[in-house]
Amino acid sequence: MLSFERLKVWEKALMFAKTLVIIADKLPTRYQFSFADQLRRAALSIPSNIAEGVGRKSHRDSSNFYSISRGSVYESINIIKLLEVLNEPSLDVDKLEILYSEAEEIVKMLYGLSK
């Protein structure tokens, strides 16, 4: 097991990313090359940058990757919010609050790693 796999934040980010990919996959065809593609990229970036940050030698370098990961969390939530405003029927509105809560928790944990 690699060291990043022991981090709770990486585990949470991985599950969060999985949820985002599932949402992206359910979007209609008209959104597949815009919203869905960007959502998948942001989802991939979150746990990937945590893993890469753990592998860096300096704390400053690691913090930069954690910052990129945080930005990708914000980007993904922005995309979800826009889809919500557009009244996208494939979104499960009841589950969005849980998604937003998970995003907040991941961001807080990433701030903790950056200190």
PDB file of N, CA and C in Angstrom:
ATOM      1  N   MET A   1       0.850  -1.183   0.000  1.00  0.00           N
ATOM      2  CA  MET A   1       0.000   0.000   0.000  1.00  0.00           C
ATOM      3  C   MET A   1       0.893   1.243   0.000  1.00  0.00           C
ATOM      4  N   LEU A   2       0.612   2.154  -0.905  1.00  0.00           N
ATOM      5  CA  LEU A   2       1.369   3.400  -0.967  1.00  0.00           C
ATOM      6  C   LEU A   2       0.865   4.364   0.101  1.00  0.00           C
ATOM      7  N   SER A   3       1.711   5.314   0.488  1.00  0.00           N
ATOM      8  CA  SER A   3       1.378   6.190   1.616  1.00  0.00           C
ATOM      9  C   SER A   3       0.106   7.008   1.394  1.00  0.00           C
ATOM     10  N   PHE A   4      -0.161   7.459   0.179  1.00  0.00           N
ATOM     11  CA  PHE A   4      -1.376   8.253  -0.043  1.00  0.00           C
ATOM     12  C   PHE A   4      -2.640   7.430   0.182  1.00  0.00           C
ATOM     13  N   GLU A   5      -2.555   6.108   0.004  1.00  0.00           N
ATOM     14  CA  GLU A   5      -3.720   5.244   0.183  1.00  0.00           C
ATOM     15  C   GLU A   5      -4.138   5.130   1.648  1.00  0.00           C
ATOM     16  N   ARG A   6      -3.273   5.557   2.549  1.00  0.00           N
ATOM     17  CA  ARG A   6      -3.588   5.516   3.982  1.00  0.00           C
ATOM     18  C   ARG A   6      -4.316   6.783   4.445  1.00  0.00           C
ATOM     19  N   LEU A   7      -4.361   7.786   3.583  1.00  0.00           N
ATOM     20  CA  LEU A   7      -4.982   9.059   3.955  1.00  0.00           C
ATOM     21  C   LEU A   7      -6.503   8.994   3.834  1.00  0.00           C
ATOM     22  N   LYS A   8      -7.185   9.415   4.897  1.00  0.00           N
ATOM     23  CA  LYS A   8      -8.645   9.468   4.888  1.00  0.00           C
ATOM     24  C   LYS A   8      -9.146  10.409   3.795  1.00  0.00           C
ATOM     25  N   VAL A   9      -8.448  11.528   3.628  1.00  0.00           N
ATOM     26  CA  VAL A   9      -8.880  12.509   2.631  1.00  0.00           C
ATOM     27  C   VAL A   9      -8.803  11.924   1.225  1.00  0.00           C
ATOM     28  N   TRP A  10      -7.802  11.101   0.969  1.00  0.00           N
ATOM     29  CA  TRP A  10      -7.700  10.474  -0.357  1.00  0.00           C
ATOM     30  C   TRP A  10      -8.857   9.491  -0.558  1.00  0.00           C
ATOM     31  N   GLU A  11      -9.172   8.708   0.474  1.00  0.00           N
ATOM     32  CA  GLU A  11     -10.299   7.767   0.388  1.00  0.00           C
ATOM     33  C   GLU A  11     -11.602   8.506   0.113  1.00  0.00           C
ATOM     34  N   LYS A  12     -11.825   9.594   0.855  1.00  0.00           N
ATOM     35  CA  LYS A  12     -13.039  10.386   0.662  1.00  0.00           C
ATOM     36  C   LYS A  12     -13.066  11.009  -0.731  1.00  0.00           C
ATOM     37  N   ALA A  13     -11.914  11.499  -1.176  1.00  0.00           N
ATOM     38  CA  ALA A  13     -11.821  12.108  -2.504  1.00  0.00           C
ATOM     39  C   ALA A  13     -12.095  11.083  -3.598  1.00  0.00           C
ATOM     40  N   LEU A  14     -11.631   9.873  -3.397  1.00  0.00           N
ATOM     41  CA  LEU A  14     -11.855   8.809  -4.377  1.00  0.00           C
ATOM     42  C   LEU A  14     -13.351   8.493  -4.503  1.00  0.00           C
ATOM     43  N   MET A  15     -14.039   8.387  -3.378  1.00  0.00           N
ATOM     44  CA  MET A  15     -15.479   8.109  -3.390  1.00  0.00           C
ATOM     45  C   MET A  15     -16.269   9.300  -3.944  1.00  0.00           C
ATOM     46  N   PHE A  16     -15.818  10.508  -3.607  1.00  0.00           N
ATOM     47  CA  PHE A  16     -16.435  11.729  -4.128  1.00  0.00           C
ATOM     48  C   PHE A  16     -16.296  11.757  -5.650  1.00  0.00           C
ATOM     49  N   ALA A  17     -15.100  11.436  -6.138  1.00  0.00           N
ATOM     50  CA  ALA A  17     -14.843  11.404  -7.582  1.00  0.00           C
ATOM     51  C   ALA A  17     -15.724  10.361  -8.265  1.00  0.00           C
ATOM     52  N   LYS A  18     -15.883   9.224  -7.630  1.00  0.00           N
ATOM     53  CA  LYS A  18     -16.749   8.172  -8.187  1.00  0.00           C
ATOM     54  C   LYS A  18     -18.173   8.698  -8.358  1.00  0.00           C
ATOM     55  N   THR A  19     -18.672   9.398  -7.344  1.00  0.00           N
ATOM     56  CA  THR A  19     -20.015   9.973  -7.411  1.00  0.00           C
ATOM     57  C   THR A  19     -20.125  10.970  -8.556  1.00  0.00           C
ATOM     58  N   LEU A  20     -19.099  11.806  -8.713  1.00  0.00           N
ATOM     59  CA  LEU A  20     -19.113  12.797  -9.790  1.00  0.00           C
ATOM     60  C   LEU A  20     -19.124  12.137 -11.164  1.00  0.00           C
ATOM     61  N   VAL A  21     -18.356  11.081 -11.326  1.00  0.00           N
ATOM     62  CA  VAL A  21     -18.325  10.365 -12.611  1.00  0.00           C
ATOM     63  C   VAL A  21     -19.692   9.735 -12.898  1.00  0.00           C
ATOM     64  N   ILE A  22     -20.324   9.190 -11.881  1.00  0.00           N
ATOM     65  CA  ILE A  22     -21.665   8.610 -12.056  1.00  0.00           C
ATOM     66  C   ILE A  22     -22.650   9.689 -12.502  1.00  0.00           C
ATOM     67  N   ILE A  23     -22.564  10.865 -11.868  1.00  0.00           N
ATOM     68  CA  ILE A  23     -23.427  11.984 -12.263  1.00  0.00           C
ATOM     69  C   ILE A  23     -23.153  12.363 -13.717  1.00  0.00           C
ATOM     70  N   ALA A  24     -21.881  12.486 -14.064  1.00  0.00           N
ATOM     71  CA  ALA A  24     -21.503  12.855 -15.435  1.00  0.00           C
ATOM     72  C   ALA A  24     -22.028  11.840 -16.443  1.00  0.00           C
ATOM     73  N   ASP A  25     -21.928  10.576 -16.110  1.00  0.00           N
ATOM     74  CA  ASP A  25     -22.377   9.519 -17.025  1.00  0.00           C
ATOM     75  C   ASP A  25     -23.887   9.539 -17.258  1.00  0.00           C
ATOM     76  N   LYS A  26     -24.635  10.066 -16.294  1.00  0.00           N
ATOM     77  CA  LYS A  26     -26.094  10.107 -16.415  1.00  0.00           C
ATOM     78  C   LYS A  26     -26.604  11.350 -17.145  1.00  0.00           C
ATOM     79  N   LEU A  27     -25.720  12.295 -17.403  1.00  0.00           N
ATOM     80  CA  LEU A  27     -26.154  13.514 -18.084  1.00  0.00           C
ATOM     81  C   LEU A  27     -26.546  13.201 -19.526  1.00  0.00           C
ATOM     82  N   PRO A  28     -27.512  13.955 -20.054  1.00  0.00           N
ATOM     83  CA  PRO A  28     -27.944  13.704 -21.433  1.00  0.00           C
ATOM     84  C   PRO A  28     -26.843  14.024 -22.452  1.00  0.00           C
ATOM     85  N   THR A  29     -27.033  13.521 -23.637  1.00  0.00           N
ATOM     86  CA  THR A  29     -26.052  13.664 -24.712  1.00  0.00           C
ATOM     87  C   THR A  29     -25.650  15.117 -24.939  1.00  0.00           C
ATOM     88  N   ARG A  30     -26.592  16.035 -24.857  1.00  0.00           N
ATOM     89  CA  ARG A  30     -26.282  17.445 -25.134  1.00  0.00           C
ATOM     90  C   ARG A  30     -25.247  18.016 -24.161  1.00  0.00           C
ATOM     91  N   TYR A  31     -25.062  17.368 -23.010  1.00  0.00           N
ATOM     92  CA  TYR A  31     -24.089  17.836 -22.019  1.00  0.00           C
ATOM     93  C   TYR A  31     -22.813  16.996 -21.970  1.00  0.00           C
ATOM     94  N   GLN A  32     -22.733  15.935 -22.751  1.00  0.00           N
ATOM     95  CA  GLN A  32     -21.596  15.018 -22.636  1.00  0.00           C
ATOM     96  C   GLN A  32     -20.255  15.647 -23.015  1.00  0.00           C
ATOM     97  N   PHE A  33     -20.235  16.550 -23.983  1.00  0.00           N
ATOM     98  CA  PHE A  33     -18.964  17.133 -24.418  1.00  0.00           C
ATOM     99  C   PHE A  33     -18.648  18.450 -23.722  1.00  0.00           C
ATOM    100  N   SER A  34     -19.499  18.866 -22.827  1.00  0.00           N
ATOM    101  CA  SER A  34     -19.236  20.102 -22.088  1.00  0.00           C
ATOM    102  C   SER A  34     -19.224  19.806 -20.589  1.00  0.00           C
ATOM    103  N   PHE A  35     -20.380  19.836 -19.978  1.00  0.00           N
ATOM    104  CA  PHE A  35     -20.475  19.632 -18.534  1.00  0.00           C
ATOM    105  C   PHE A  35     -19.901  18.287 -18.087  1.00  0.00           C
ATOM    106  N   ALA A  36     -20.308  17.225 -18.753  1.00  0.00           N
ATOM    107  CA  ALA A  36     -19.896  15.880 -18.324  1.00  0.00           C
ATOM    108  C   ALA A  36     -18.392  15.691 -18.446  1.00  0.00           C
ATOM    109  N   ASP A  37     -17.832  16.119 -19.570  1.00  0.00           N
ATOM    110  CA  ASP A  37     -16.390  15.973 -19.770  1.00  0.00           C
ATOM    111  C   ASP A  37     -15.608  16.759 -18.718  1.00  0.00           C
ATOM    112  N   GLN A  38     -16.022  17.996 -18.474  1.00  0.00           N
ATOM    113  CA  GLN A  38     -15.322  18.824 -17.492  1.00  0.00           C
ATOM    114  C   GLN A  38     -15.497  18.273 -16.082  1.00  0.00           C
ATOM    115  N   LEU A  39     -16.670  17.741 -15.783  1.00  0.00           N
ATOM    116  CA  LEU A  39     -16.922  17.158 -14.467  1.00  0.00           C
ATOM    117  C   LEU A  39     -16.047  15.927 -14.247  1.00  0.00           C
ATOM    118  N   ARG A  40     -15.901  15.108 -15.268  1.00  0.00           N
ATOM    119  CA  ARG A  40     -15.022  13.932 -15.161  1.00  0.00           C
ATOM    120  C   ARG A  40     -13.568  14.349 -14.934  1.00  0.00           C
ATOM    121  N   ARG A  41     -13.128  15.381 -15.640  1.00  0.00           N
ATOM    122  CA  ARG A  41     -11.743  15.856 -15.487  1.00  0.00           C
ATOM    123  C   ARG A  41     -11.498  16.391 -14.074  1.00  0.00           C
ATOM    124  N   ALA A  42     -12.450  17.166 -13.570  1.00  0.00           N
ATOM    125  CA  ALA A  42     -12.323  17.692 -12.207  1.00  0.00           C
ATOM    126  C   ALA A  42     -12.325  16.545 -11.198  1.00  0.00           C
ATOM    127  N   ALA A  43     -13.189  15.567 -11.418  1.00  0.00           N
ATOM    128  CA  ALA A  43     -13.271  14.404 -10.521  1.00  0.00           C
ATOM    129  C   ALA A  43     -11.952  13.653 -10.485  1.00  0.00           C
ATOM    130  N   LEU A  44     -11.360  13.441 -11.638  1.00  0.00           N
ATOM    131  CA  LEU A  44     -10.076  12.742 -11.731  1.00  0.00           C
ATOM    132  C   LEU A  44      -8.968  13.518 -11.022  1.00  0.00           C
ATOM    133  N   SER A  45      -9.030  14.827 -11.115  1.00  0.00           N
ATOM    134  CA  SER A  45      -7.996  15.689 -10.546  1.00  0.00           C
ATOM    135  C   SER A  45      -7.952  15.654  -9.014  1.00  0.00           C
ATOM    136  N   ILE A  46      -9.089  15.470  -8.382  1.00  0.00           N
ATOM    137  CA  ILE A  46      -9.147  15.579  -6.914  1.00  0.00           C
ATOM    138  C   ILE A  46      -8.275  14.528  -6.225  1.00  0.00           C
ATOM    139  N   PRO A  47      -8.549  13.240  -6.365  1.00  0.00           N
ATOM    140  CA  PRO A  47      -7.680  12.259  -5.694  1.00  0.00           C
ATOM    141  C   PRO A  47      -6.289  12.164  -6.323  1.00  0.00           C
ATOM    142  N   SER A  48      -6.196  12.439  -7.621  1.00  0.00           N
ATOM    143  CA  SER A  48      -4.892  12.345  -8.297  1.00  0.00           C
ATOM    144  C   SER A  48      -3.899  13.358  -7.753  1.00  0.00           C
ATOM    145  N   ASN A  49      -4.355  14.581  -7.514  1.00  0.00           N
ATOM    146  CA  ASN A  49      -3.453  15.601  -6.987  1.00  0.00           C
ATOM    147  C   ASN A  49      -3.105  15.368  -5.525  1.00  0.00           C
ATOM    148  N   ILE A  50      -3.996  14.739  -4.784  1.00  0.00           N
ATOM    149  CA  ILE A  50      -3.654  14.353  -3.410  1.00  0.00           C
ATOM    150  C   ILE A  50      -2.529  13.328  -3.456  1.00  0.00           C
ATOM    151  N   ALA A  51      -2.690  12.320  -4.299  1.00  0.00           N
ATOM    152  CA  ALA A  51      -1.666  11.276  -4.422  1.00  0.00           C
ATOM    153  C   ALA A  51      -0.333  11.871  -4.863  1.00  0.00           C
ATOM    154  N   GLU A  52      -0.380  12.754  -5.846  1.00  0.00           N
ATOM    155  CA  GLU A  52       0.865  13.355  -6.326  1.00  0.00           C
ATOM    156  C   GLU A  52       1.500  14.239  -5.258  1.00  0.00           C
ATOM    157  N   GLY A  53       0.677  14.955  -4.508  1.00  0.00           N
ATOM    158  CA  GLY A  53       1.196  15.804  -3.439  1.00  0.00           C
ATOM    159  C   GLY A  53       1.920  15.014  -2.365  1.00  0.00           C
ATOM    160  N   VAL A  54       1.380  13.858  -2.025  1.00  0.00           N
ATOM    161  CA  VAL A  54       2.018  13.000  -1.020  1.00  0.00           C
ATOM    162  C   VAL A  54       3.392  12.549  -1.504  1.00  0.00           C
ATOM    163  N   GLY A  55       3.524  12.366  -2.793  1.00  0.00           N
ATOM    164  CA  GLY A  55       4.783  11.887  -3.359  1.00  0.00           C
ATOM    165  C   GLY A  55       5.863  12.944  -3.507  1.00  0.00           C
ATOM    166  N   ARG A  56       5.554  14.181  -3.220  1.00  0.00           N
ATOM    167  CA  ARG A  56       6.540  15.262  -3.353  1.00  0.00           C
ATOM    168  C   ARG A  56       7.424  15.363  -2.115  1.00  0.00           C
ATOM    169  N   LYS A  57       8.634  15.866  -2.324  1.00  0.00           N
ATOM    170  CA  LYS A  57       9.605  15.935  -1.219  1.00  0.00           C
ATOM    171  C   LYS A  57       9.359  17.104  -0.279  1.00  0.00           C
ATOM    172  N   SER A  58       9.099  18.274  -0.833  1.00  0.00           N
ATOM    173  CA  SER A  58       8.960  19.451   0.035  1.00  0.00           C
ATOM    174  C   SER A  58       7.490  19.684   0.397  1.00  0.00           C
ATOM    175  N   HIS A  59       7.297  20.253   1.575  1.00  0.00           N
ATOM    176  CA  HIS A  59       5.943  20.571   2.032  1.00  0.00           C
ATOM    177  C   HIS A  59       5.310  21.609   1.107  1.00  0.00           C
ATOM    178  N   ARG A  60       6.106  22.547   0.661  1.00  0.00           N
ATOM    179  CA  ARG A  60       5.603  23.596  -0.233  1.00  0.00           C
ATOM    180  C   ARG A  60       5.082  22.987  -1.536  1.00  0.00           C
ATOM    181  N   ASP A  61       5.835  22.068  -2.079  1.00  0.00           N
ATOM    182  CA  ASP A  61       5.436  21.390  -3.313  1.00  0.00           C
ATOM    183  C   ASP A  61       4.163  20.570  -3.083  1.00  0.00           C
ATOM    184  N   SER A  62       4.124  19.842  -1.979  1.00  0.00           N
ATOM    185  CA  SER A  62       2.931  19.049  -1.644  1.00  0.00           C
ATOM    186  C   SER A  62       1.708  19.944  -1.503  1.00  0.00           C
ATOM    187  N   SER A  63       1.879  21.069  -0.808  1.00  0.00           N
ATOM    188  CA  SER A  63       0.773  22.001  -0.585  1.00  0.00           C
ATOM    189  C   SER A  63       0.196  22.522  -1.891  1.00  0.00           C
ATOM    190  N   ASN A  64       1.061  22.717  -2.875  1.00  0.00           N
ATOM    191  CA  ASN A  64       0.596  23.182  -4.178  1.00  0.00           C
ATOM    192  C   ASN A  64      -0.372  22.166  -4.798  1.00  0.00           C
ATOM    193  N   PHE A  65      -0.045  20.889  -4.698  1.00  0.00           N
ATOM    194  CA  PHE A  65      -0.931  19.859  -5.249  1.00  0.00           C
ATOM    195  C   PHE A  65      -2.233  19.752  -4.459  1.00  0.00           C
ATOM    196  N   TYR A  66      -2.169  19.947  -3.137  1.00  0.00           N
ATOM    197  CA  TYR A  66      -3.393  19.932  -2.333  1.00  0.00           C
ATOM    198  C   TYR A  66      -4.281  21.120  -2.707  1.00  0.00           C
ATOM    199  N   SER A  67      -3.651  22.240  -3.028  1.00  0.00           N
ATOM    200  CA  SER A  67      -4.384  23.425  -3.463  1.00  0.00           C
ATOM    201  C   SER A  67      -5.089  23.171  -4.800  1.00  0.00           C
ATOM    202  N   ILE A  68      -4.412  22.515  -5.717  1.00  0.00           N
ATOM    203  CA  ILE A  68      -5.020  22.168  -7.005  1.00  0.00           C
ATOM    204  C   ILE A  68      -6.207  21.231  -6.778  1.00  0.00           C
ATOM    205  N   SER A  69      -6.046  20.290  -5.877  1.00  0.00           N
ATOM    206  CA  SER A  69      -7.129  19.364  -5.549  1.00  0.00           C
ATOM    207  C   SER A  69      -8.339  20.122  -4.996  1.00  0.00           C
ATOM    208  N   ARG A  70      -8.089  21.070  -4.090  1.00  0.00           N
ATOM    209  CA  ARG A  70      -9.181  21.892  -3.545  1.00  0.00           C
ATOM    210  C   ARG A  70      -9.888  22.641  -4.667  1.00  0.00           C
ATOM    211  N   GLY A  71      -9.112  23.218  -5.566  1.00  0.00           N
ATOM    212  CA  GLY A  71      -9.697  23.940  -6.690  1.00  0.00           C
ATOM    213  C   GLY A  71     -10.594  23.050  -7.534  1.00  0.00           C
ATOM    214  N   SER A  72     -10.199  21.808  -7.697  1.00  0.00           N
ATOM    215  CA  SER A  72     -11.006  20.862  -8.478  1.00  0.00           C
ATOM    216  C   SER A  72     -12.301  20.495  -7.757  1.00  0.00           C
ATOM    217  N   VAL A  73     -12.261  20.464  -6.427  1.00  0.00           N
ATOM    218  CA  VAL A  73     -13.500  20.248  -5.661  1.00  0.00           C
ATOM    219  C   VAL A  73     -14.454  21.408  -5.930  1.00  0.00           C
ATOM    220  N   TYR A  74     -13.932  22.642  -5.822  1.00  0.00           N
ATOM    221  CA  TYR A  74     -14.762  23.824  -6.069  1.00  0.00           C
ATOM    222  C   TYR A  74     -15.296  23.836  -7.501  1.00  0.00           C
ATOM    223  N   GLU A  75     -14.443  23.487  -8.449  1.00  0.00           N
ATOM    224  CA  GLU A  75     -14.861  23.444  -9.850  1.00  0.00           C
ATOM    225  C   GLU A  75     -16.000  22.445 -10.050  1.00  0.00           C
ATOM    226  N   SER A  76     -15.875  21.276  -9.467  1.00  0.00           N
ATOM    227  CA  SER A  76     -16.909  20.255  -9.649  1.00  0.00           C
ATOM    228  C   SER A  76     -18.238  20.694  -9.036  1.00  0.00           C
ATOM    229  N   ILE A  77     -18.187  21.312  -7.869  1.00  0.00           N
ATOM    230  CA  ILE A  77     -19.427  21.780  -7.242  1.00  0.00           C
ATOM    231  C   ILE A  77     -20.042  22.908  -8.063  1.00  0.00           C
ATOM    232  N   ASN A  78     -19.214  23.768  -8.632  1.00  0.00           N
ATOM    233  CA  ASN A  78     -19.726  24.822  -9.501  1.00  0.00           C
ATOM    234  C   ASN A  78     -20.487  24.230 -10.691  1.00  0.00           C
ATOM    235  N   ILE A  79     -19.943  23.185 -11.292  1.00  0.00           N
ATOM    236  CA  ILE A  79     -20.609  22.529 -12.425  1.00  0.00           C
ATOM    237  C   ILE A  79     -21.945  21.931 -11.983  1.00  0.00           C
ATOM    238  N   ILE A  80     -21.950  21.278 -10.826  1.00  0.00           N
ATOM    239  CA  ILE A  80     -23.191  20.694 -10.300  1.00  0.00           C
ATOM    240  C   ILE A  80     -24.217  21.792 -10.031  1.00  0.00           C
ATOM    241  N   LYS A  81     -23.774  22.904  -9.438  1.00  0.00           N
ATOM    242  CA  LYS A  81     -24.683  24.025  -9.150  1.00  0.00           C
ATOM    243  C   LYS A  81     -25.286  24.574 -10.440  1.00  0.00           C
ATOM    244  N   LEU A  82     -24.470  24.698 -11.479  1.00  0.00           N
ATOM    245  CA  LEU A  82     -24.972  25.198 -12.757  1.00  0.00           C
ATOM    246  C   LEU A  82     -26.011  24.239 -13.344  1.00  0.00           C
ATOM    247  N   LEU A  83     -25.737  22.955 -13.262  1.00  0.00           N
ATOM    248  CA  LEU A  83     -26.715  21.967 -13.730  1.00  0.00           C
ATOM    249  C   LEU A  83     -28.005  22.040 -12.913  1.00  0.00           C
ATOM    250  N   GLU A  84     -27.854  22.325 -11.632  1.00  0.00           N
ATOM    251  CA  GLU A  84     -29.023  22.459 -10.757  1.00  0.00           C
ATOM    252  C   GLU A  84     -29.858  23.672 -11.176  1.00  0.00           C
ATOM    253  N   VAL A  85     -29.191  24.789 -11.461  1.00  0.00           N
ATOM    254  CA  VAL A  85     -29.871  26.005 -11.909  1.00  0.00           C
ATOM    255  C   VAL A  85     -30.581  25.768 -13.249  1.00  0.00           C
ATOM    256  N   LEU A  86     -29.975  24.932 -14.083  1.00  0.00           N
ATOM    257  CA  LEU A  86     -30.573  24.594 -15.380  1.00  0.00           C
ATOM    258  C   LEU A  86     -31.692  23.556 -15.249  1.00  0.00           C
ATOM    259  N   ASN A  87     -31.972  23.154 -14.007  1.00  0.00           N
ATOM    260  CA  ASN A  87     -33.018  22.161 -13.720  1.00  0.00           C
ATOM    261  C   ASN A  87     -32.798  20.849 -14.465  1.00  0.00           C
ATOM    262  N   GLU A  88     -31.554  20.395 -14.478  1.00  0.00           N
ATOM    263  CA  GLU A  88     -31.221  19.138 -15.148  1.00  0.00           C
ATOM    264  C   GLU A  88     -31.931  17.989 -14.428  1.00  0.00           C
ATOM    265  N   PRO A  89     -32.854  17.306 -15.114  1.00  0.00           N
ATOM    266  CA  PRO A  89     -33.654  16.260 -14.461  1.00  0.00           C
ATOM    267  C   PRO A  89     -32.873  15.018 -14.028  1.00  0.00           C
ATOM    268  N   SER A  90     -31.697  14.796 -14.581  1.00  0.00           N
ATOM    269  CA  SER A  90     -30.945  13.593 -14.190  1.00  0.00           C
ATOM    270  C   SER A  90     -30.278  13.734 -12.820  1.00  0.00           C
ATOM    271  N   LEU A  91     -30.243  14.965 -12.286  1.00  0.00           N
ATOM    272  CA  LEU A  91     -29.659  15.168 -10.952  1.00  0.00           C
ATOM    273  C   LEU A  91     -30.633  14.707  -9.879  1.00  0.00           C
ATOM    274  N   ASP A  92     -30.132  13.976  -8.914  1.00  0.00           N
ATOM    275  CA  ASP A  92     -30.934  13.567  -7.766  1.00  0.00           C
ATOM    276  C   ASP A  92     -30.791  14.662  -6.712  1.00  0.00           C
ATOM    277  N   VAL A  93     -31.721  15.600  -6.725  1.00  0.00           N
ATOM    278  CA  VAL A  93     -31.647  16.788  -5.875  1.00  0.00           C
ATOM    279  C   VAL A  93     -31.542  16.428  -4.398  1.00  0.00           C
ATOM    280  N   ASP A  94     -32.179  15.338  -3.994  1.00  0.00           N
ATOM    281  CA  ASP A  94     -32.137  14.921  -2.590  1.00  0.00           C
ATOM    282  C   ASP A  94     -30.723  14.545  -2.148  1.00  0.00           C
ATOM    283  N   LYS A  95     -29.907  14.082  -3.078  1.00  0.00           N
ATOM    284  CA  LYS A  95     -28.548  13.658  -2.736  1.00  0.00           C
ATOM    285  C   LYS A  95     -27.523  14.782  -2.862  1.00  0.00           C
ATOM    286  N   LEU A  96     -27.937  15.927  -3.400  1.00  0.00           N
ATOM    287  CA  LEU A  96     -26.984  17.016  -3.608  1.00  0.00           C
ATOM    288  C   LEU A  96     -26.457  17.588  -2.299  1.00  0.00           C
ATOM    289  N   GLU A  97     -27.309  17.691  -1.290  1.00  0.00           N
ATOM    290  CA  GLU A  97     -26.849  18.222   0.000  1.00  0.00           C
ATOM    291  C   GLU A  97     -25.749  17.347   0.585  1.00  0.00           C
ATOM    292  N   ILE A  98     -25.872  16.043   0.424  1.00  0.00           N
ATOM    293  CA  ILE A  98     -24.831  15.119   0.888  1.00  0.00           C
ATOM    294  C   ILE A  98     -23.547  15.364   0.108  1.00  0.00           C
ATOM    295  N   LEU A  99     -23.677  15.547  -1.203  1.00  0.00           N
ATOM    296  CA  LEU A  99     -22.517  15.817  -2.055  1.00  0.00           C
ATOM    297  C   LEU A  99     -21.818  17.106  -1.627  1.00  0.00           C
ATOM    298  N   TYR A 100     -22.603  18.150  -1.368  1.00  0.00           N
ATOM    299  CA  TYR A 100     -22.027  19.431  -0.945  1.00  0.00           C
ATOM    300  C   TYR A 100     -21.330  19.293   0.407  1.00  0.00           C
ATOM    301  N   SER A 101     -21.924  18.528   1.293  1.00  0.00           N
ATOM    302  CA  SER A 101     -21.328  18.286   2.604  1.00  0.00           C
ATOM    303  C   SER A 101     -20.001  17.533   2.478  1.00  0.00           C
ATOM    304  N   GLU A 102     -19.966  16.530   1.607  1.00  0.00           N
ATOM    305  CA  GLU A 102     -18.722  15.782   1.370  1.00  0.00           C
ATOM    306  C   GLU A 102     -17.646  16.698   0.795  1.00  0.00           C
ATOM    307  N   ALA A 103     -18.045  17.581  -0.103  1.00  0.00           N
ATOM    308  CA  ALA A 103     -17.092  18.528  -0.697  1.00  0.00           C
ATOM    309  C   ALA A 103     -16.483  19.421   0.379  1.00  0.00           C
ATOM    310  N   GLU A 104     -17.322  19.949   1.262  1.00  0.00           N
ATOM    311  CA  GLU A 104     -16.833  20.800   2.354  1.00  0.00           C
ATOM    312  C   GLU A 104     -15.846  20.055   3.240  1.00  0.00           C
ATOM    313  N   GLU A 105     -16.163  18.820   3.556  1.00  0.00           N
ATOM    314  CA  GLU A 105     -15.289  18.021   4.413  1.00  0.00           C
ATOM    315  C   GLU A 105     -13.931  17.781   3.747  1.00  0.00           C
ATOM    316  N   ILE A 106     -13.942  17.455   2.467  1.00  0.00           N
ATOM    317  CA  ILE A 106     -12.686  17.223   1.739  1.00  0.00           C
ATOM    318  C   ILE A 106     -11.848  18.495   1.704  1.00  0.00           C
ATOM    319  N   VAL A 107     -12.482  19.623   1.435  1.00  0.00           N
ATOM    320  CA  VAL A 107     -11.760  20.901   1.388  1.00  0.00           C
ATOM    321  C   VAL A 107     -11.118  21.201   2.739  1.00  0.00           C
ATOM    322  N   LYS A 108     -11.848  21.002   3.821  1.00  0.00           N
ATOM    323  CA  LYS A 108     -11.294  21.241   5.164  1.00  0.00           C
ATOM    324  C   LYS A 108     -10.106  20.327   5.439  1.00  0.00           C
ATOM    325  N   MET A 109     -10.233  19.071   5.053  1.00  0.00           N
ATOM    326  CA  MET A 109      -9.136  18.122   5.271  1.00  0.00           C
ATOM    327  C   MET A 109      -7.906  18.514   4.449  1.00  0.00           C
ATOM    328  N   LEU A 110      -8.132  19.008   3.245  1.00  0.00           N
ATOM    329  CA  LEU A 110      -7.009  19.436   2.400  1.00  0.00           C
ATOM    330  C   LEU A 110      -6.325  20.673   2.978  1.00  0.00           C
ATOM    331  N   TYR A 111      -7.108  21.588   3.556  1.00  0.00           N
ATOM    332  CA  TYR A 111      -6.498  22.738   4.232  1.00  0.00           C
ATOM    333  C   TYR A 111      -5.619  22.256   5.378  1.00  0.00           C
ATOM    334  N   GLY A 112      -6.093  21.251   6.100  1.00  0.00           N
ATOM    335  CA  GLY A 112      -5.310  20.682   7.195  1.00  0.00           C
ATOM    336  C   GLY A 112      -3.993  20.090   6.726  1.00  0.00           C
ATOM    337  N   LEU A 113      -3.998  19.424   5.586  1.00  0.00           N
ATOM    338  CA  LEU A 113      -2.760  18.859   5.036  1.00  0.00           C
ATOM    339  C   LEU A 113      -1.782  19.943   4.607  1.00  0.00           C
ATOM    340  N   SER A 114      -2.317  21.080   4.194  1.00  0.00           N
ATOM    341  CA  SER A 114      -1.471  22.158   3.668  1.00  0.00           C
ATOM    342  C   SER A 114      -0.755  22.944   4.756  1.00  0.00           C
ATOM    343  N   LYS A 115      -1.209  22.834   5.991  1.00  0.00           N
ATOM    344  CA  LYS A 115      -0.608  23.622   7.089  1.00  0.00           C
ATOM    345  C   LYS A 115       0.779  23.145   7.419  1.00  0.00           C
TER     346      LYS A 115
END
